[in-house]
Amino acid sequence: ALLLGLVDSTEGVVGYFAAIERVKLRRPALAGDTLLLGVELTSFRRG
């Protein structure tokens, strides 16, 4: 949803999940939990 605003035309655009870094797994999300997912853009250049 964040990447939609970065490209001119959203039709025919595909995002490829390329890499993950500095992953920290703290605790599990259990049944009954509401998971809040926050994502911030740090940089965007040349796609």
ModelCIF file with pLDDT and N, C-alpha, C, O atoms, coordinates in Angstrom:
data_MODEL
#
_entry.id   MODEL 
#
_entity.id                         1 
_entity.type                       polymer 
_entity.pdbx_number_of_molecules   1 
#
_entity_poly.entity_id                      1 
_entity_poly.type                           'polypeptide(L)' 
_entity_poly.nstd_linkage                   no 
_entity_poly.nstd_monomer                   no 
_entity_poly.pdbx_seq_one_letter_code       ALLLGLVDSTEGVVGYFAAIERVKLRRPALAGDTLLLGVELTSFRRG 
_entity_poly.pdbx_seq_one_letter_code_can   ALLLGLVDSTEGVVGYFAAIERVKLRRPALAGDTLLLGVELTSFRRG 
_entity_poly.pdbx_strand_id                 A 
#
loop_
_entity_poly_seq.entity_id 
_entity_poly_seq.num 
_entity_poly_seq.mon_id 
_entity_poly_seq.hetero 
1 1  ALA n 
1 2  LEU n 
1 3  LEU n 
1 4  LEU n 
1 5  GLY n 
1 6  LEU n 
1 7  VAL n 
1 8  ASP n 
1 9  SER n 
1 10 THR n 
1 11 GLU n 
1 12 GLY n 
1 13 VAL n 
1 14 VAL n 
1 15 GLY n 
1 16 TYR n 
1 17 PHE n 
1 18 ALA n 
1 19 ALA n 
1 20 ILE n 
1 21 GLU n 
1 22 ARG n 
1 23 VAL n 
1 24 LYS n 
1 25 LEU n 
1 26 ARG n 
1 27 ARG n 
1 28 PRO n 
1 29 ALA n 
1 30 LEU n 
1 31 ALA n 
1 32 GLY n 
1 33 ASP n 
1 34 THR n 
1 35 LEU n 
1 36 LEU n 
1 37 LEU n 
1 38 GLY n 
1 39 VAL n 
1 40 GLU n 
1 41 LEU n 
1 42 THR n 
1 43 SER n 
1 44 PHE n 
1 45 ARG n 
1 46 ARG n 
1 47 GLY n 
#
_struct_asym.id          A 
_struct_asym.entity_id   1 
#
loop_
_ma_qa_metric.id 
_ma_qa_metric.mode 
_ma_qa_metric.name 
_ma_qa_metric.software_group_id 
_ma_qa_metric.type 
1 global pLDDT . pLDDT 
2 local  pLDDT . pLDDT 
#
_ma_qa_metric_global.metric_id      1 
_ma_qa_metric_global.metric_value   83.47 
_ma_qa_metric_global.model_id       1 
_ma_qa_metric_global.ordinal_id     1 
#
loop_
_ma_qa_metric_local.label_asym_id 
_ma_qa_metric_local.label_comp_id 
_ma_qa_metric_local.label_seq_id 
_ma_qa_metric_local.metric_id 
_ma_qa_metric_local.metric_value 
_ma_qa_metric_local.model_id 
_ma_qa_metric_local.ordinal_id 
A ALA 1  2 80.00 1 1  
A LEU 2  2 80.00 1 2  
A LEU 3  2 76.00 1 3  
A LEU 4  2 71.00 1 4  
A GLY 5  2 64.00 1 5  
A LEU 6  2 67.00 1 6  
A VAL 7  2 67.00 1 7  
A ASP 8  2 62.00 1 8  
A SER 9  2 57.00 1 9  
A THR 10 2 56.00 1 10 
A GLU 11 2 62.00 1 11 
A GLY 12 2 64.00 1 12 
A VAL 13 2 71.00 1 13 
A VAL 14 2 75.00 1 14 
A GLY 15 2 76.00 1 15 
A TYR 16 2 80.00 1 16 
A PHE 17 2 84.00 1 17 
A ALA 18 2 88.00 1 18 
A ALA 19 2 90.00 1 19 
A ILE 20 2 92.00 1 20 
A GLU 21 2 93.00 1 21 
A ARG 22 2 94.00 1 22 
A VAL 23 2 93.00 1 23 
A LYS 24 2 94.00 1 24 
A LEU 25 2 92.00 1 25 
A ARG 26 2 91.00 1 26 
A ARG 27 2 88.00 1 27 
A PRO 28 2 85.00 1 28 
A ALA 29 2 87.00 1 29 
A LEU 30 2 86.00 1 30 
A ALA 31 2 84.00 1 31 
A GLY 32 2 88.00 1 32 
A ASP 33 2 90.00 1 33 
A THR 34 2 93.00 1 34 
A LEU 35 2 94.00 1 35 
A LEU 36 2 95.00 1 36 
A LEU 37 2 95.00 1 37 
A GLY 38 2 95.00 1 38 
A VAL 39 2 94.00 1 39 
A GLU 40 2 95.00 1 40 
A LEU 41 2 93.00 1 41 
A THR 42 2 94.00 1 42 
A SER 43 2 93.00 1 43 
A PHE 44 2 91.00 1 44 
A ARG 45 2 90.00 1 45 
A ARG 46 2 89.00 1 46 
A GLY 47 2 85.00 1 47 
#
loop_
_atom_site.group_PDB 
_atom_site.id 
_atom_site.type_symbol 
_atom_site.label_atom_id 
_atom_site.label_alt_id 
_atom_site.label_comp_id 
_atom_site.label_asym_id 
_atom_site.label_entity_id 
_atom_site.label_seq_id 
_atom_site.pdbx_PDB_ins_code 
_atom_site.Cartn_x 
_atom_site.Cartn_y 
_atom_site.Cartn_z 
_atom_site.occupancy 
_atom_site.B_iso_or_equiv 
_atom_site.pdbx_formal_charge 
_atom_site.auth_seq_id 
_atom_site.auth_comp_id 
_atom_site.auth_asym_id 
_atom_site.auth_atom_id 
_atom_site.pdbx_PDB_model_num 
ATOM 1   N N  . ALA A 1 1  ? 0.829  -1.208  0.000   1.00 80.00 ? 1  ALA A N  1 
ATOM 2   C CA . ALA A 1 1  ? 0.000  0.000   0.000   1.00 80.00 ? 1  ALA A CA 1 
ATOM 3   C C  . ALA A 1 1  ? 0.863  1.258   0.000   1.00 80.00 ? 1  ALA A C  1 
ATOM 4   O O  . ALA A 1 1  ? 0.488  2.271   -0.590  1.00 80.00 ? 1  ALA A O  1 
ATOM 5   N N  . LEU A 1 2  ? 2.002  1.195   0.652   1.00 80.00 ? 2  LEU A N  1 
ATOM 6   C CA . LEU A 1 2  ? 2.930  2.323   0.680   1.00 80.00 ? 2  LEU A CA 1 
ATOM 7   C C  . LEU A 1 2  ? 3.559  2.553   -0.683  1.00 80.00 ? 2  LEU A C  1 
ATOM 8   O O  . LEU A 1 2  ? 3.724  3.697   -1.106  1.00 80.00 ? 2  LEU A O  1 
ATOM 9   N N  . LEU A 1 3  ? 3.913  1.475   -1.373  1.00 76.00 ? 3  LEU A N  1 
ATOM 10  C CA . LEU A 1 3  ? 4.595  1.579   -2.662  1.00 76.00 ? 3  LEU A CA 1 
ATOM 11  C C  . LEU A 1 3  ? 3.689  2.066   -3.780  1.00 76.00 ? 3  LEU A C  1 
ATOM 12  O O  . LEU A 1 3  ? 4.175  2.540   -4.807  1.00 76.00 ? 3  LEU A O  1 
ATOM 13  N N  . LEU A 1 4  ? 2.367  1.957   -3.595  1.00 71.00 ? 4  LEU A N  1 
ATOM 14  C CA . LEU A 1 4  ? 1.432  2.425   -4.621  1.00 71.00 ? 4  LEU A CA 1 
ATOM 15  C C  . LEU A 1 4  ? 1.598  3.902   -4.919  1.00 71.00 ? 4  LEU A C  1 
ATOM 16  O O  . LEU A 1 4  ? 1.485  4.313   -6.074  1.00 71.00 ? 4  LEU A O  1 
ATOM 17  N N  . GLY A 1 5  ? 1.860  4.697   -3.916  1.00 64.00 ? 5  GLY A N  1 
ATOM 18  C CA . GLY A 1 5  ? 1.990  6.131   -4.113  1.00 64.00 ? 5  GLY A CA 1 
ATOM 19  C C  . GLY A 1 5  ? 3.310  6.557   -4.733  1.00 64.00 ? 5  GLY A C  1 
ATOM 20  O O  . GLY A 1 5  ? 3.480  7.729   -5.069  1.00 64.00 ? 5  GLY A O  1 
ATOM 21  N N  . LEU A 1 6  ? 4.249  5.632   -4.892  1.00 67.00 ? 6  LEU A N  1 
ATOM 22  C CA . LEU A 1 6  ? 5.573  5.991   -5.394  1.00 67.00 ? 6  LEU A CA 1 
ATOM 23  C C  . LEU A 1 6  ? 5.713  5.875   -6.905  1.00 67.00 ? 6  LEU A C  1 
ATOM 24  O O  . LEU A 1 6  ? 6.632  6.452   -7.487  1.00 67.00 ? 6  LEU A O  1 
ATOM 25  N N  . VAL A 1 7  ? 4.812  5.137   -7.545  1.00 67.00 ? 7  VAL A N  1 
ATOM 26  C CA . VAL A 1 7  ? 4.898  4.940   -8.994  1.00 67.00 ? 7  VAL A CA 1 
ATOM 27  C C  . VAL A 1 7  ? 3.753  5.688   -9.667  1.00 67.00 ? 7  VAL A C  1 
ATOM 28  O O  . VAL A 1 7  ? 2.700  5.901   -9.067  1.00 67.00 ? 7  VAL A O  1 
ATOM 29  N N  . ASP A 1 8  ? 3.973  6.085   -10.924 1.00 62.00 ? 8  ASP A N  1 
ATOM 30  C CA . ASP A 1 8  ? 2.972  6.867   -11.641 1.00 62.00 ? 8  ASP A CA 1 
ATOM 31  C C  . ASP A 1 8  ? 1.729  6.055   -11.954 1.00 62.00 ? 8  ASP A C  1 
ATOM 32  O O  . ASP A 1 8  ? 0.616  6.488   -11.655 1.00 62.00 ? 8  ASP A O  1 
ATOM 33  N N  . SER A 1 9  ? 1.903  4.890   -12.547 1.00 57.00 ? 9  SER A N  1 
ATOM 34  C CA . SER A 1 9  ? 0.783  4.044   -12.920 1.00 57.00 ? 9  SER A CA 1 
ATOM 35  C C  . SER A 1 9  ? 0.830  2.766   -12.097 1.00 57.00 ? 9  SER A C  1 
ATOM 36  O O  . SER A 1 9  ? 1.822  2.038   -12.137 1.00 57.00 ? 9  SER A O  1 
ATOM 37  N N  . THR A 1 10 ? -0.243 2.485   -11.343 1.00 56.00 ? 10 THR A N  1 
ATOM 38  C CA . THR A 1 10 ? -0.248 1.288   -10.504 1.00 56.00 ? 10 THR A CA 1 
ATOM 39  C C  . THR A 1 10 ? -0.660 0.049   -11.277 1.00 56.00 ? 10 THR A C  1 
ATOM 40  O O  . THR A 1 10 ? -0.436 -1.067  -10.809 1.00 56.00 ? 10 THR A O  1 
ATOM 41  N N  . GLU A 1 11 ? -1.257 0.216   -12.449 1.00 62.00 ? 11 GLU A N  1 
ATOM 42  C CA . GLU A 1 11 ? -1.632 -0.949  -13.245 1.00 62.00 ? 11 GLU A CA 1 
ATOM 43  C C  . GLU A 1 11 ? -0.403 -1.496  -13.950 1.00 62.00 ? 11 GLU A C  1 
ATOM 44  O O  . GLU A 1 11 ? 0.371  -0.748  -14.546 1.00 62.00 ? 11 GLU A O  1 
ATOM 45  N N  . GLY A 1 12 ? -0.233 -2.794  -13.875 1.00 64.00 ? 12 GLY A N  1 
ATOM 46  C CA . GLY A 1 12 ? 0.900  -3.437  -14.515 1.00 64.00 ? 12 GLY A CA 1 
ATOM 47  C C  . GLY A 1 12 ? 2.199  -3.290  -13.750 1.00 64.00 ? 12 GLY A C  1 
ATOM 48  O O  . GLY A 1 12 ? 3.273  -3.510  -14.311 1.00 64.00 ? 12 GLY A O  1 
ATOM 49  N N  . VAL A 1 13 ? 2.124  -2.918  -12.469 1.00 71.00 ? 13 VAL A N  1 
ATOM 50  C CA . VAL A 1 13 ? 3.306  -2.769  -11.636 1.00 71.00 ? 13 VAL A CA 1 
ATOM 51  C C  . VAL A 1 13 ? 3.344  -3.916  -10.635 1.00 71.00 ? 13 VAL A C  1 
ATOM 52  O O  . VAL A 1 13 ? 2.332  -4.259  -10.024 1.00 71.00 ? 13 VAL A O  1 
ATOM 53  N N  . VAL A 1 14 ? 4.540  -4.509  -10.475 1.00 75.00 ? 14 VAL A N  1 
ATOM 54  C CA . VAL A 1 14 ? 4.721  -5.635  -9.564  1.00 75.00 ? 14 VAL A CA 1 
ATOM 55  C C  . VAL A 1 14 ? 5.862  -5.311  -8.606  1.00 75.00 ? 14 VAL A C  1 
ATOM 56  O O  . VAL A 1 14 ? 6.904  -4.796  -9.011  1.00 75.00 ? 14 VAL A O  1 
ATOM 57  N N  . GLY A 1 15 ? 5.649  -5.622  -7.331  1.00 76.00 ? 15 GLY A N  1 
ATOM 58  C CA . GLY A 1 15 ? 6.708  -5.468  -6.340  1.00 76.00 ? 15 GLY A CA 1 
ATOM 59  C C  . GLY A 1 15 ? 7.295  -6.820  -6.001  1.00 76.00 ? 15 GLY A C  1 
ATOM 60  O O  . GLY A 1 15 ? 6.563  -7.763  -5.702  1.00 76.00 ? 15 GLY A O  1 
ATOM 61  N N  . TYR A 1 16 ? 8.611  -6.921  -6.047  1.00 80.00 ? 16 TYR A N  1 
ATOM 62  C CA . TYR A 1 16 ? 9.309  -8.165  -5.739  1.00 80.00 ? 16 TYR A CA 1 
ATOM 63  C C  . TYR A 1 16 ? 10.020 -8.018  -4.396  1.00 80.00 ? 16 TYR A C  1 
ATOM 64  O O  . TYR A 1 16 ? 10.861 -7.136  -4.223  1.00 80.00 ? 16 TYR A O  1 
ATOM 65  N N  . PHE A 1 17 ? 9.681  -8.872  -3.466  1.00 84.00 ? 17 PHE A N  1 
ATOM 66  C CA . PHE A 1 17 ? 10.314 -8.899  -2.154  1.00 84.00 ? 17 PHE A CA 1 
ATOM 67  C C  . PHE A 1 17 ? 11.722 -9.433  -2.359  1.00 84.00 ? 17 PHE A C  1 
ATOM 68  O O  . PHE A 1 17 ? 11.886 -10.618 -2.649  1.00 84.00 ? 17 PHE A O  1 
ATOM 69  N N  . ALA A 1 18 ? 12.752 -8.587  -2.217  1.00 88.00 ? 18 ALA A N  1 
ATOM 70  C CA . ALA A 1 18 ? 14.110 -8.950  -2.625  1.00 88.00 ? 18 ALA A CA 1 
ATOM 71  C C  . ALA A 1 18 ? 15.022 -9.361  -1.476  1.00 88.00 ? 18 ALA A C  1 
ATOM 72  O O  . ALA A 1 18 ? 15.807 -10.297 -1.631  1.00 88.00 ? 18 ALA A O  1 
ATOM 73  N N  . ALA A 1 19 ? 14.944 -8.695  -0.338  1.00 90.00 ? 19 ALA A N  1 
ATOM 74  C CA . ALA A 1 19 ? 15.888 -8.992  0.733   1.00 90.00 ? 19 ALA A CA 1 
ATOM 75  C C  . ALA A 1 19 ? 15.331 -8.577  2.084   1.00 90.00 ? 19 ALA A C  1 
ATOM 76  O O  . ALA A 1 19 ? 14.513 -7.663  2.182   1.00 90.00 ? 19 ALA A O  1 
ATOM 77  N N  . ILE A 1 20 ? 15.789 -9.269  3.130   1.00 92.00 ? 20 ILE A N  1 
ATOM 78  C CA . ILE A 1 20 ? 15.497 -8.860  4.502   1.00 92.00 ? 20 ILE A CA 1 
ATOM 79  C C  . ILE A 1 20 ? 16.815 -8.775  5.256   1.00 92.00 ? 20 ILE A C  1 
ATOM 80  O O  . ILE A 1 20 ? 17.728 -9.570  5.035   1.00 92.00 ? 20 ILE A O  1 
ATOM 81  N N  . GLU A 1 21 ? 16.896 -7.801  6.148   1.00 93.00 ? 21 GLU A N  1 
ATOM 82  C CA . GLU A 1 21 ? 18.097 -7.586  6.943   1.00 93.00 ? 21 GLU A CA 1 
ATOM 83  C C  . GLU A 1 21 ? 17.694 -7.222  8.364   1.00 93.00 ? 21 GLU A C  1 
ATOM 84  O O  . GLU A 1 21 ? 16.591 -6.735  8.612   1.00 93.00 ? 21 GLU A O  1 
ATOM 85  N N  . ARG A 1 22 ? 18.603 -7.468  9.278   1.00 94.00 ? 22 ARG A N  1 
ATOM 86  C CA . ARG A 1 22 ? 18.431 -7.068  10.682  1.00 94.00 ? 22 ARG A CA 1 
ATOM 87  C C  . ARG A 1 22 ? 17.076 -7.486  11.238  1.00 94.00 ? 22 ARG A C  1 
ATOM 88  O O  . ARG A 1 22 ? 16.367 -6.689  11.852  1.00 94.00 ? 22 ARG A O  1 
ATOM 89  N N  . VAL A 1 23 ? 16.734 -8.731  11.016  1.00 93.00 ? 23 VAL A N  1 
ATOM 90  C CA . VAL A 1 23 ? 15.469 -9.263  11.510  1.00 93.00 ? 23 VAL A CA 1 
ATOM 91  C C  . VAL A 1 23 ? 15.627 -9.614  12.987  1.00 93.00 ? 23 VAL A C  1 
ATOM 92  O O  . VAL A 1 23 ? 16.557 -10.327 13.364  1.00 93.00 ? 23 VAL A O  1 
ATOM 93  N N  . LYS A 1 24 ? 14.726 -9.116  13.810  1.00 94.00 ? 24 LYS A N  1 
ATOM 94  C CA . LYS A 1 24 ? 14.723 -9.448  15.234  1.00 94.00 ? 24 LYS A CA 1 
ATOM 95  C C  . LYS A 1 24 ? 13.366 -10.044 15.572  1.00 94.00 ? 24 LYS A C  1 
ATOM 96  O O  . LYS A 1 24 ? 12.333 -9.386  15.445  1.00 94.00 ? 24 LYS A O  1 
ATOM 97  N N  . LEU A 1 25 ? 13.383 -11.289 16.000  1.00 92.00 ? 25 LEU A N  1 
ATOM 98  C CA . LEU A 1 25 ? 12.170 -12.018 16.353  1.00 92.00 ? 25 LEU A CA 1 
ATOM 99  C C  . LEU A 1 25 ? 12.052 -12.007 17.873  1.00 92.00 ? 25 LEU A C  1 
ATOM 100 O O  . LEU A 1 25 ? 12.818 -12.685 18.558  1.00 92.00 ? 25 LEU A O  1 
ATOM 101 N N  . ARG A 1 26 ? 11.114 -11.256 18.395  1.00 91.00 ? 26 ARG A N  1 
ATOM 102 C CA . ARG A 1 26 ? 11.014 -11.054 19.844  1.00 91.00 ? 26 ARG A CA 1 
ATOM 103 C C  . ARG A 1 26 ? 10.145 -12.097 20.532  1.00 91.00 ? 26 ARG A C  1 
ATOM 104 O O  . ARG A 1 26 ? 10.623 -12.829 21.399  1.00 91.00 ? 26 ARG A O  1 
ATOM 105 N N  . ARG A 1 27 ? 8.868  -12.170 20.152  1.00 88.00 ? 27 ARG A N  1 
ATOM 106 C CA . ARG A 1 27 ? 7.936  -13.096 20.781  1.00 88.00 ? 27 ARG A CA 1 
ATOM 107 C C  . ARG A 1 27 ? 6.858  -13.441 19.773  1.00 88.00 ? 27 ARG A C  1 
ATOM 108 O O  . ARG A 1 27 ? 6.682  -12.710 18.799  1.00 88.00 ? 27 ARG A O  1 
ATOM 109 N N  . PRO A 1 28 ? 6.133  -14.527 19.974  1.00 85.00 ? 28 PRO A N  1 
ATOM 110 C CA . PRO A 1 28 ? 5.105  -14.900 18.995  1.00 85.00 ? 28 PRO A CA 1 
ATOM 111 C C  . PRO A 1 28 ? 3.834  -14.065 19.166  1.00 85.00 ? 28 PRO A C  1 
ATOM 112 O O  . PRO A 1 28 ? 3.557  -13.537 20.243  1.00 85.00 ? 28 PRO A O  1 
ATOM 113 N N  . ALA A 1 29 ? 3.073  -13.962 18.082  1.00 87.00 ? 29 ALA A N  1 
ATOM 114 C CA . ALA A 1 29 ? 1.736  -13.369 18.124  1.00 87.00 ? 29 ALA A CA 1 
ATOM 115 C C  . ALA A 1 29 ? 0.764  -14.527 18.332  1.00 87.00 ? 29 ALA A C  1 
ATOM 116 O O  . ALA A 1 29 ? 0.648  -15.402 17.474  1.00 87.00 ? 29 ALA A O  1 
ATOM 117 N N  . LEU A 1 30 ? 0.074  -14.536 19.453  1.00 86.00 ? 30 LEU A N  1 
ATOM 118 C CA . LEU A 1 30 ? -0.800 -15.645 19.820  1.00 86.00 ? 30 LEU A CA 1 
ATOM 119 C C  . LEU A 1 30 ? -2.225 -15.410 19.342  1.00 86.00 ? 30 LEU A C  1 
ATOM 120 O O  . LEU A 1 30 ? -2.608 -14.287 19.016  1.00 86.00 ? 30 LEU A O  1 
ATOM 121 N N  . ALA A 1 31 ? -2.998 -16.480 19.305  1.00 84.00 ? 31 ALA A N  1 
ATOM 122 C CA . ALA A 1 31 ? -4.409 -16.380 18.931  1.00 84.00 ? 31 ALA A CA 1 
ATOM 123 C C  . ALA A 1 31 ? -5.110 -15.400 19.867  1.00 84.00 ? 31 ALA A C  1 
ATOM 124 O O  . ALA A 1 31 ? -4.954 -15.463 21.087  1.00 84.00 ? 31 ALA A O  1 
ATOM 125 N N  . GLY A 1 32 ? -5.876 -14.502 19.278  1.00 88.00 ? 32 GLY A N  1 
ATOM 126 C CA . GLY A 1 32 ? -6.564 -13.474 20.042  1.00 88.00 ? 32 GLY A CA 1 
ATOM 127 C C  . GLY A 1 32 ? -5.854 -12.135 20.017  1.00 88.00 ? 32 GLY A C  1 
ATOM 128 O O  . GLY A 1 32 ? -6.440 -11.119 20.393  1.00 88.00 ? 32 GLY A O  1 
ATOM 129 N N  . ASP A 1 33 ? -4.594 -12.114 19.578  1.00 90.00 ? 33 ASP A N  1 
ATOM 130 C CA . ASP A 1 33 ? -3.831 -10.867 19.494  1.00 90.00 ? 33 ASP A CA 1 
ATOM 131 C C  . ASP A 1 33 ? -4.199 -10.082 18.241  1.00 90.00 ? 33 ASP A C  1 
ATOM 132 O O  . ASP A 1 33 ? -4.556 -10.659 17.213  1.00 90.00 ? 33 ASP A O  1 
ATOM 133 N N  . THR A 1 34 ? -4.107 -8.766  18.340  1.00 93.00 ? 34 THR A N  1 
ATOM 134 C CA . THR A 1 34 ? -4.223 -7.894  17.178  1.00 93.00 ? 34 THR A CA 1 
ATOM 135 C C  . THR A 1 34 ? -2.832 -7.383  16.853  1.00 93.00 ? 34 THR A C  1 
ATOM 136 O O  . THR A 1 34 ? -2.222 -6.650  17.631  1.00 93.00 ? 34 THR A O  1 
ATOM 137 N N  . LEU A 1 35 ? -2.349 -7.782  15.700  1.00 94.00 ? 35 LEU A N  1 
ATOM 138 C CA . LEU A 1 35 ? -0.996 -7.464  15.269  1.00 94.00 ? 35 LEU A CA 1 
ATOM 139 C C  . LEU A 1 35 ? -1.026 -6.145  14.498  1.00 94.00 ? 35 LEU A C  1 
ATOM 140 O O  . LEU A 1 35 ? -1.722 -6.032  13.488  1.00 94.00 ? 35 LEU A O  1 
ATOM 141 N N  . LEU A 1 36 ? -0.274 -5.146  14.969  1.00 95.00 ? 36 LEU A N  1 
ATOM 142 C CA . LEU A 1 36 ? -0.166 -3.862  14.281  1.00 95.00 ? 36 LEU A CA 1 
ATOM 143 C C  . LEU A 1 36 ? 1.119  -3.872  13.470  1.00 95.00 ? 36 LEU A C  1 
ATOM 144 O O  . LEU A 1 36 ? 2.201  -4.099  14.012  1.00 95.00 ? 36 LEU A O  1 
ATOM 145 N N  . LEU A 1 37 ? 1.000  -3.628  12.178  1.00 95.00 ? 37 LEU A N  1 
ATOM 146 C CA . LEU A 1 37 ? 2.107  -3.731  11.238  1.00 95.00 ? 37 LEU A CA 1 
ATOM 147 C C  . LEU A 1 37 ? 2.463  -2.343  10.719  1.00 95.00 ? 37 LEU A C  1 
ATOM 148 O O  . LEU A 1 37 ? 1.720  -1.775  9.918   1.00 95.00 ? 37 LEU A O  1 
ATOM 149 N N  . GLY A 1 38 ? 3.572  -1.800  11.158  1.00 95.00 ? 38 GLY A N  1 
ATOM 150 C CA . GLY A 1 38 ? 4.005  -0.472  10.728  1.00 95.00 ? 38 GLY A CA 1 
ATOM 151 C C  . GLY A 1 38 ? 5.205  -0.571  9.802   1.00 95.00 ? 38 GLY A C  1 
ATOM 152 O O  . GLY A 1 38 ? 6.180  -1.254  10.114  1.00 95.00 ? 38 GLY A O  1 
ATOM 153 N N  . VAL A 1 39 ? 5.137  0.112   8.661   1.00 94.00 ? 39 VAL A N  1 
ATOM 154 C CA . VAL A 1 39 ? 6.230  0.102   7.689   1.00 94.00 ? 39 VAL A CA 1 
ATOM 155 C C  . VAL A 1 39 ? 6.530  1.541   7.286   1.00 94.00 ? 39 VAL A C  1 
ATOM 156 O O  . VAL A 1 39 ? 5.625  2.310   6.959   1.00 94.00 ? 39 VAL A O  1 
ATOM 157 N N  . GLU A 1 40 ? 7.828  1.896   7.313   1.00 95.00 ? 40 GLU A N  1 
ATOM 158 C CA . GLU A 1 40 ? 8.274  3.217   6.890   1.00 95.00 ? 40 GLU A CA 1 
ATOM 159 C C  . GLU A 1 40 ? 9.235  3.082   5.725   1.00 95.00 ? 40 GLU A C  1 
ATOM 160 O O  . GLU A 1 40 ? 10.050 2.161   5.682   1.00 95.00 ? 40 GLU A O  1 
ATOM 161 N N  . LEU A 1 41 ? 9.135  3.999   4.788   1.00 93.00 ? 41 LEU A N  1 
ATOM 162 C CA . LEU A 1 41 ? 10.045 4.035   3.652   1.00 93.00 ? 41 LEU A CA 1 
ATOM 163 C C  . LEU A 1 41 ? 11.297 4.796   4.060   1.00 93.00 ? 41 LEU A C  1 
ATOM 164 O O  . LEU A 1 41 ? 11.208 5.927   4.538   1.00 93.00 ? 41 LEU A O  1 
ATOM 165 N N  . THR A 1 42 ? 12.473 4.179   3.873   1.00 94.00 ? 42 THR A N  1 
ATOM 166 C CA . THR A 1 42 ? 13.723 4.877   4.186   1.00 94.00 ? 42 THR A CA 1 
ATOM 167 C C  . THR A 1 42 ? 14.352 5.478   2.940   1.00 94.00 ? 42 THR A C  1 
ATOM 168 O O  . THR A 1 42 ? 14.952 6.551   3.010   1.00 94.00 ? 42 THR A O  1 
ATOM 169 N N  . SER A 1 43 ? 14.223 4.794   1.781   1.00 93.00 ? 43 SER A N  1 
ATOM 170 C CA . SER A 1 43 ? 14.694 5.388   0.525   1.00 93.00 ? 43 SER A CA 1 
ATOM 171 C C  . SER A 1 43 ? 14.033 4.687   -0.658  1.00 93.00 ? 43 SER A C  1 
ATOM 172 O O  . SER A 1 43 ? 13.634 3.525   -0.576  1.00 93.00 ? 43 SER A O  1 
ATOM 173 N N  . PHE A 1 44 ? 13.929 5.432   -1.763  1.00 91.00 ? 44 PHE A N  1 
ATOM 174 C CA . PHE A 1 44 ? 13.373 4.885   -3.001  1.00 91.00 ? 44 PHE A CA 1 
ATOM 175 C C  . PHE A 1 44 ? 14.089 5.533   -4.169  1.00 91.00 ? 44 PHE A C  1 
ATOM 176 O O  . PHE A 1 44 ? 13.944 6.730   -4.416  1.00 91.00 ? 44 PHE A O  1 
ATOM 177 N N  . ARG A 1 45 ? 14.874 4.719   -4.895  1.00 90.00 ? 45 ARG A N  1 
ATOM 178 C CA . ARG A 1 45 ? 15.590 5.212   -6.077  1.00 90.00 ? 45 ARG A CA 1 
ATOM 179 C C  . ARG A 1 45 ? 15.595 4.131   -7.136  1.00 90.00 ? 45 ARG A C  1 
ATOM 180 O O  . ARG A 1 45 ? 15.844 2.959   -6.855  1.00 90.00 ? 45 ARG A O  1 
ATOM 181 N N  . ARG A 1 46 ? 15.312 4.551   -8.371  1.00 89.00 ? 46 ARG A N  1 
ATOM 182 C CA . ARG A 1 46 ? 15.373 3.668   -9.539  1.00 89.00 ? 46 ARG A CA 1 
ATOM 183 C C  . ARG A 1 46 ? 14.609 2.360   -9.339  1.00 89.00 ? 46 ARG A C  1 
ATOM 184 O O  . ARG A 1 46 ? 15.070 1.293   -9.746  1.00 89.00 ? 46 ARG A O  1 
ATOM 185 N N  . GLY A 1 47 ? 13.461 2.452   -8.722  1.00 85.00 ? 47 GLY A N  1 
ATOM 186 C CA . GLY A 1 47 ? 12.613 1.288   -8.555  1.00 85.00 ? 47 GLY A CA 1 
ATOM 187 C C  . GLY A 1 47 ? 12.992 0.358   -7.415  1.00 85.00 ? 47 GLY A C  1 
ATOM 188 O O  . GLY A 1 47 ? 12.328 -0.656  -7.199  1.00 85.00 ? 47 GLY A O  1 
#
